[in-house]
């Protein structure tokens, strides 16, 4: 049987390499963000690390540098959008440009509907949606200077499922997911935009929460997940590396659920009927 390989065929594993690319990862101090940052470095990228807590960033920077790549530590609260131009200026000064943007910072508390206030929505919108939009917008000229690039937004399966007591978080993550698809339309073909939608990832924060609850809660989560375990940050990071890499060069505007195919009500909330 004949083959149809072009003259410029690249071996498959080489298509996943990010050698000498430059990435920025927000929320990089721990959990999913830290795993993404180290994985990008393992694939060959230099990484700018952004989060509120400098000590957390320094630990991640040490792990990045252990791979042989460079790390830039930038402690900042992304609720303050004025830090974003400063961040990008430092990235250019340190690394010479930018190829990959990972908008991982986010999160929001949720309450039963009648306890939710517009301030909850507006504050969470600013952190989850506005900061993601503004960093991406400001980064686009830098990505174009390098010929193109990849933007990966970390959303959540909470934006695709309906659960009681999850209005704020679900609404904001749905906004991030739809914005991803809209950005992909506007920025194609030179910049690709995709999103990863994690499910229940057992970060240190989730582990602490489960440790305060009855053990049956964790057992129920596992029972309601066909893969029979909660996720780990390292379950998310490889998808981000893939979407950032040349291996995904024909992929944009897509949302990838990584949730072990779990049901919507992993931790049912005891909210009574009206």
Foldseek 3Di string as FASTA:
>chain_A
DDDDDDPPDDPPVLQLAPALAEEEFEPCLFFLNLLQQLVNLLSHYEYEYEEADQVSVVVSQVSSVVSVHHYHYDHDDLLPVVCLVVSQVVCCVVRVFHAEYEAEDADAFFFAPVPDDVVRQVSRLSRQPVSLVSNVVVRQVRNVVVQAHEYEYEAACLLVDDAGRCVRNNVNSVVVLVVQLVVQVVRPDRYAGEYEHEYQAPIVVNVVVCVVDDVVLLVLLLVQQQVSHFHGSNLRNVVSSCRGGSVCNPDHSYYHYDTSPGDDCSPHDPDDDD
